[in-house]
Amino acid sequence: MQLNTVIFDIDGLLIDSEPLWNQAAAEIFANYGVHLTPEAYATTTGLRTKEFVAWWLTRYEQDPAIFPRVEKEIVDLVLNKISREARTLPGVNYIFQFFQERGFRIGLATSSPPELITIAKKITGIETYVMAEASAENLPYGKPHPQVYLNCAEQLGVLPVSCICFEDSFNGMLAAKAARMKCVVVPHTAEREQAKWGAADLQINSLEHFTDSHLQQLS
């Protein structure tokens, strides 16, 4: 199957928002007596906020009745932080131009709420490139379930096997592979040497490092 479509994750791949998610969660969780290490946060990167909240508050034996309130508090705070502080990561403009010049259809697929997609497009300036966008926020399951990627492919009118996905998280990589898509991972510097990325089709250190040779390798 010829590759003709590319789908990008957002958090930690296009914008440097992952630390802001951690900051927002830490501030809100502290109000409920929950304190996590950076290593603990890393284990749940890529999950939806509702799953992240349920996972950690359950472990801290918090009342499930407060989960929706905590989720909303974190989302409201992080969207504010991202709007004010997030920066475009290296290679974003390059990679979108790269695929546009080669006639690829381009989409976004994220575990984050739709509001973040709007903010991220504005921050990065990629509005004119994006042909479809999908959020897992209101799906029955988020990443590592493949549904958000399958939904994006459907919106783009393409088969999943014709898609390349770019991800920075382990859960996102699993979602892309479960959707039967090629997956390129761009891990955070501290995680690059971890063996778990071996399940990806390709690992690179930056979006700006992707070349025609890599595209041929994936094909």
Protein backbone atom coordinates (compact mmCIF):
# COMPACT_ATOMS: atom_id res chain seq x y z
CA MET A 1 0.00 0.00 0.00
CA GLN A 2 1.39 3.39 -1.00
CA LEU A 3 1.79 5.86 1.84
CA ASN A 4 -0.16 9.04 1.14
CA THR A 5 -1.19 10.41 4.54
CA VAL A 6 0.55 11.67 7.66
CA ILE A 7 -1.04 12.12 11.10
CA PHE A 8 0.62 13.96 13.95
CA ASP A 9 0.18 13.83 17.70
CA ILE A 10 0.36 17.28 19.35
CA ASP A 11 1.52 17.36 22.99
CA GLY A 12 5.29 16.95 23.24
CA LEU A 13 5.64 16.54 19.47
CA LEU A 14 4.49 19.84 17.96
CA ILE A 15 4.48 22.01 21.09
CA ASP A 16 6.42 21.72 24.36
CA SER A 17 3.26 21.25 26.41
CA GLU A 18 4.07 18.07 28.36
CA PRO A 19 5.84 19.97 31.20
CA LEU A 20 2.84 22.29 31.39
CA TRP A 21 0.47 19.33 31.76
CA ASN A 22 2.67 18.06 34.60
CA GLN A 23 2.74 21.48 36.25
CA ALA A 24 -1.03 21.86 36.03
CA ALA A 25 -1.61 18.35 37.38
CA ALA A 26 0.85 18.91 40.22
CA GLU A 27 -0.84 22.17 41.25
CA ILE A 28 -4.32 20.69 41.22
CA PHE A 29 -3.35 17.31 42.71
CA ALA A 30 -1.63 19.10 45.62
CA ASN A 31 -5.04 20.44 46.63
CA TYR A 32 -6.12 16.82 47.12
CA GLY A 33 -2.99 15.56 48.86
CA VAL A 34 -1.55 13.83 45.80
CA HIS A 35 2.14 14.34 45.00
CA LEU A 36 3.83 12.57 42.06
CA THR A 37 7.45 12.29 40.97
CA PRO A 38 8.51 13.16 37.40
CA GLU A 39 9.04 9.42 36.85
CA ALA A 40 5.46 8.74 37.90
CA TYR A 41 4.11 11.34 35.48
CA ALA A 42 6.12 9.79 32.66
CA THR A 43 4.36 6.43 33.08
CA THR A 44 1.00 7.96 32.15
CA THR A 45 2.11 10.26 29.31
CA GLY A 46 -0.26 9.99 26.36
CA LEU A 47 -3.34 9.10 28.39
CA ARG A 48 -6.43 11.28 28.36
CA THR A 49 -6.87 13.56 31.34
CA LYS A 50 -9.83 11.56 32.65
CA GLU A 51 -7.77 8.35 32.59
CA PHE A 52 -4.74 10.06 34.10
CA VAL A 53 -6.88 11.49 36.92
CA ALA A 54 -8.71 8.22 37.57
CA TRP A 55 -5.46 6.23 37.62
CA TRP A 56 -3.66 8.38 40.16
CA LEU A 57 -6.57 9.37 42.38
CA THR A 58 -7.63 5.74 42.63
CA ARG A 59 -4.12 4.80 43.74
CA TYR A 60 -4.34 7.53 46.36
CA GLU A 61 -7.77 6.21 47.45
CA GLN A 62 -9.64 9.40 46.59
CA ASP A 63 -13.43 9.50 46.21
CA PRO A 64 -14.40 8.79 42.54
CA ALA A 65 -17.08 11.44 42.86
CA ILE A 66 -14.40 14.14 42.67
CA PHE A 67 -12.73 12.79 39.51
CA PRO A 68 -14.73 14.91 37.00
CA ARG A 69 -14.09 18.07 39.01
CA VAL A 70 -10.36 17.40 39.22
CA GLU A 71 -10.21 16.64 35.49
CA LYS A 72 -11.90 19.95 34.63
CA GLU A 73 -9.62 21.90 36.97
CA ILE A 74 -6.51 20.41 35.35
CA VAL A 75 -7.74 20.97 31.79
CA ASP A 76 -8.78 24.57 32.46
CA LEU A 77 -5.41 25.33 34.05
CA VAL A 78 -3.29 23.64 31.40
CA LEU A 79 -5.10 25.29 28.49
CA ASN A 80 -4.39 28.63 30.11
CA LYS A 81 -0.74 27.70 30.60
CA ILE A 82 -0.34 26.43 27.05
CA SER A 83 -1.92 29.56 25.57
CA ARG A 84 0.58 31.73 27.48
CA GLU A 85 3.74 29.63 27.62
CA ALA A 86 3.93 26.83 25.03
CA ARG A 87 6.47 27.05 22.22
CA THR A 88 6.69 25.33 18.86
CA LEU A 89 9.18 22.45 18.90
CA PRO A 90 12.01 22.23 16.34
CA GLY A 91 11.16 21.02 12.86
CA VAL A 92 7.40 21.58 12.91
CA ASN A 93 7.24 23.98 9.96
CA TYR A 94 9.78 21.86 8.08
CA ILE A 95 7.89 18.57 8.47
CA PHE A 96 4.51 20.01 7.47
CA GLN A 97 6.03 21.62 4.37
CA PHE A 98 7.86 18.36 3.61
CA PHE A 99 4.67 16.34 3.43
CA GLN A 100 2.60 19.05 1.75
CA GLU A 101 5.18 19.30 -1.05
CA ARG A 102 4.90 15.54 -1.58
CA GLY A 103 1.12 15.61 -1.85
CA PHE A 104 0.33 13.93 1.47
CA ARG A 105 -2.95 14.43 3.24
CA ILE A 106 -2.29 15.78 6.76
CA GLY A 107 -4.19 15.26 10.02
CA LEU A 108 -3.88 15.64 13.78
CA ALA A 109 -4.86 13.02 16.38
CA THR A 110 -4.60 13.74 20.09
CA SER A 111 -5.73 12.49 23.48
CA SER A 112 -6.20 16.12 24.52
CA PRO A 113 -9.47 18.08 24.25
CA PRO A 114 -10.43 19.81 20.98
CA GLU A 115 -9.69 23.20 22.53
CA LEU A 116 -6.02 22.26 22.65
CA ILE A 117 -6.01 21.46 18.93
CA THR A 118 -7.20 25.00 18.20
CA ILE A 119 -4.57 26.51 20.48
CA ALA A 120 -1.77 24.34 19.06
CA LYS A 121 -2.62 25.19 15.46
CA LYS A 122 -2.47 28.89 16.30
CA ILE A 123 0.83 28.58 18.19
CA THR A 124 2.53 26.58 15.43
CA GLY A 125 0.94 28.31 12.44
CA ILE A 126 -0.06 25.01 10.78
CA GLU A 127 -3.74 25.86 10.20
CA THR A 128 -3.47 25.81 6.41
CA TYR A 129 -1.81 22.39 6.34
CA VAL A 130 -4.32 20.47 8.48
CA MET A 131 -7.10 18.67 6.60
CA ALA A 132 -8.61 16.74 9.53
CA GLU A 133 -8.31 16.58 13.29
CA ALA A 134 -9.48 14.06 15.88
CA SER A 135 -9.62 14.16 19.67
CA ALA A 136 -10.01 11.11 21.88
CA GLU A 137 -11.53 13.16 24.71
CA ASN A 138 -15.09 11.87 24.24
CA LEU A 139 -14.32 8.46 22.77
CA PRO A 140 -15.01 5.29 24.80
CA TYR A 141 -11.26 4.68 24.91
CA GLY A 142 -8.19 6.88 24.41
CA LYS A 143 -4.64 5.99 23.42
CA PRO A 144 -3.23 3.31 23.46
CA HIS A 145 -6.56 2.34 21.86
CA PRO A 146 -6.33 3.09 18.11
CA GLN A 147 -9.76 4.69 17.66
CA VAL A 148 -8.59 8.31 17.50
CA TYR A 149 -6.18 7.43 14.70
CA LEU A 150 -8.80 5.41 12.86
CA ASN A 151 -11.24 8.32 13.15
CA CYS A 152 -8.69 10.74 11.72
CA ALA A 153 -7.95 8.42 8.78
CA GLU A 154 -11.68 8.10 8.11
CA GLN A 155 -12.07 11.89 8.08
CA LEU A 156 -9.19 12.10 5.62
CA GLY A 157 -10.82 9.45 3.41
CA VAL A 158 -7.87 7.08 3.50
CA LEU A 159 -7.10 3.54 4.64
CA PRO A 160 -5.14 3.20 7.90
CA VAL A 161 -2.39 1.23 6.15
CA SER A 162 -1.65 4.26 3.95
CA CYS A 163 -0.82 6.44 6.97
CA ILE A 164 2.37 7.46 8.76
CA CYS A 165 1.96 8.62 12.36
CA PHE A 166 4.41 10.78 14.31
CA GLU A 167 4.38 10.26 18.09
CA ASP A 168 6.44 11.10 21.14
CA SER A 169 4.76 8.85 23.73
CA PHE A 170 4.71 5.09 24.25
CA ASN A 171 0.92 5.00 24.51
CA GLY A 172 0.64 6.97 21.29
CA MET A 173 3.02 4.60 19.52
CA LEU A 174 0.92 1.63 20.62
CA ALA A 175 -2.22 3.35 19.33
CA ALA A 176 -0.66 4.02 15.93
CA LYS A 177 0.61 0.46 15.55
CA ALA A 178 -2.72 -0.97 16.67
CA ALA A 179 -4.34 1.09 13.90
CA ARG A 180 -1.99 -0.68 11.42
CA MET A 181 -0.21 2.57 10.59
CA LYS A 182 3.50 3.22 10.23
CA CYS A 183 4.84 4.98 13.31
CA VAL A 184 7.76 7.37 13.63
CA VAL A 185 8.67 8.16 17.24
CA VAL A 186 10.43 11.30 18.42
CA PRO A 187 11.03 10.56 22.12
CA HIS A 188 12.00 13.08 24.74
CA THR A 189 15.76 13.33 25.16
CA ALA A 190 15.71 11.50 28.50
CA GLU A 191 13.89 8.50 26.99
CA ARG A 192 15.69 8.03 23.67
CA GLU A 193 17.74 5.02 24.76
CA GLN A 194 14.83 3.02 26.13
CA ALA A 195 14.19 -0.32 24.47
CA LYS A 196 10.42 0.21 24.31
CA TRP A 197 10.76 2.31 21.15
CA GLY A 198 11.81 -0.80 19.25
CA ALA A 199 8.15 -1.36 18.34
CA ALA A 200 8.18 1.77 16.17
CA ASP A 201 8.97 1.66 12.46
CA LEU A 202 11.47 4.50 12.84
CA GLN A 203 13.00 6.56 15.66
CA ILE A 204 14.44 10.04 15.11
CA ASN A 205 15.65 12.73 17.49
CA SER A 206 13.83 15.66 15.88
CA LEU A 207 11.16 16.30 13.26
CA GLU A 208 13.73 18.29 11.29
CA HIS A 209 15.81 15.11 10.85
CA PHE A 210 13.16 13.33 8.75
CA THR A 211 14.25 12.94 5.10
CA ASP A 212 13.24 11.36 1.82
CA SER A 213 15.43 8.40 2.71
CA HIS A 214 13.32 7.82 5.82
CA LEU A 215 10.14 8.07 3.76
CA GLN A 216 11.48 5.46 1.33
CA GLN A 217 12.47 3.25 4.25
CA LEU A 218 8.91 3.37 5.61
CA SER A 219 7.48 2.61 2.18
